[in-house]
Amino acid sequence: MTTTVKCPTCQKEVIWNSDAKFKPFCSDRCKLIDLGDWASEKHAIPVKSEFDPETLDGLGYDEADFFKDH
C-alpha cells in the first residue's frame, strides 16, 4: 500500500517514500515558501502565557515606590 500525504503548501498529493526528495512537500519551491512563512512569523506555535498580566497589576508592580529599599 502506498502512503500519500498532501503538500502543506499547495495541497498536491505527495507519495511518502524514501525517493520523495522534498517530503512532506511536493517540491523545493513549496519547501522554501513554507520556510519563508516561518521566518516572517506567519506560522507560530501557540504558547500559554506563564503569568497573567492582570495579576501583576494587583501586586503593585506599577507603584512608584515598589522597588525602593525600605
Protein backbone atom coordinates (compact mmCIF):
# COMPACT_ATOMS: atom_id res chain seq x y z
CA MET A 1 0.00 0.00 0.00
CA THR A 2 1.37 3.40 -1.00
CA THR A 3 1.10 6.20 1.55
CA THR A 4 0.33 9.66 0.26
CA VAL A 5 0.14 12.99 2.05
CA LYS A 6 -0.87 16.45 0.91
CA CYS A 7 1.83 19.06 0.43
CA PRO A 8 1.42 21.57 3.31
CA THR A 9 1.84 24.48 0.90
CA CYS A 10 -0.14 23.63 -2.25
CA GLN A 11 -2.13 20.55 -1.14
CA LYS A 12 -0.81 18.44 -4.06
CA GLU A 13 -0.67 14.67 -3.34
CA VAL A 14 2.86 13.52 -2.43
CA ILE A 15 3.90 9.87 -2.28
CA TRP A 16 5.57 9.24 1.09
CA ASN A 17 8.59 7.03 0.43
CA SER A 18 12.38 7.19 0.56
CA ASP A 19 12.53 8.55 -3.01
CA ALA A 20 10.45 11.64 -2.18
CA LYS A 21 13.22 14.21 -2.04
CA PHE A 22 11.21 17.08 -0.52
CA LYS A 23 8.68 15.22 1.65
CA PRO A 24 6.27 16.28 3.01
CA PHE A 25 6.47 18.97 0.33
CA CYS A 26 5.99 18.28 -3.37
CA SER A 27 8.90 20.47 -4.48
CA ASP A 28 11.78 22.65 -3.36
CA ARG A 29 9.63 25.69 -4.18
CA CYS A 30 6.89 24.66 -1.73
CA LYS A 31 9.51 23.85 0.92
CA LEU A 32 11.05 27.34 0.56
CA ILE A 33 7.64 29.04 0.66
CA ASP A 34 6.94 27.29 3.98
CA LEU A 35 10.38 28.24 5.34
CA GLY A 36 9.74 31.86 4.37
CA ASP A 37 6.38 31.80 6.15
CA TRP A 38 8.07 30.59 9.35
CA ALA A 39 10.84 33.21 9.01
CA SER A 40 8.30 36.01 8.60
CA GLU A 41 6.33 34.64 11.57
CA LYS A 42 3.20 33.82 9.57
CA HIS A 43 3.30 30.46 11.35
CA ALA A 44 3.70 30.31 15.10
CA ILE A 45 3.45 27.66 17.76
CA PRO A 46 0.86 28.82 20.28
CA VAL A 47 2.04 29.02 23.87
CA LYS A 48 0.23 29.72 27.08
CA SER A 49 1.45 32.79 28.92
CA GLU A 50 3.45 31.97 32.05
CA PHE A 51 1.67 34.64 34.06
CA ASP A 52 -1.43 36.77 33.91
CA PRO A 53 -0.63 40.50 33.44
CA GLU A 54 -3.73 41.36 35.46
CA THR A 55 -2.19 39.56 38.44
CA LEU A 56 0.92 41.74 38.23
CA ASP A 57 -1.24 44.86 38.40
CA GLY A 58 -2.76 43.59 41.62
CA LEU A 59 0.68 43.05 43.19
CA GLY A 60 1.59 46.71 42.92
CA TYR A 61 4.49 46.49 40.47
CA ASP A 62 3.27 49.68 38.83
CA GLU A 63 3.51 51.69 42.07
CA ALA A 64 6.35 54.26 42.06
CA ASP A 65 7.89 53.11 45.34
CA PHE A 66 7.56 49.35 44.88
CA PHE A 67 11.26 48.76 44.10
CA LYS A 68 12.69 51.26 46.59
CA ASP A 69 14.53 49.94 49.63
CA HIS A 70 12.54 50.26 52.82
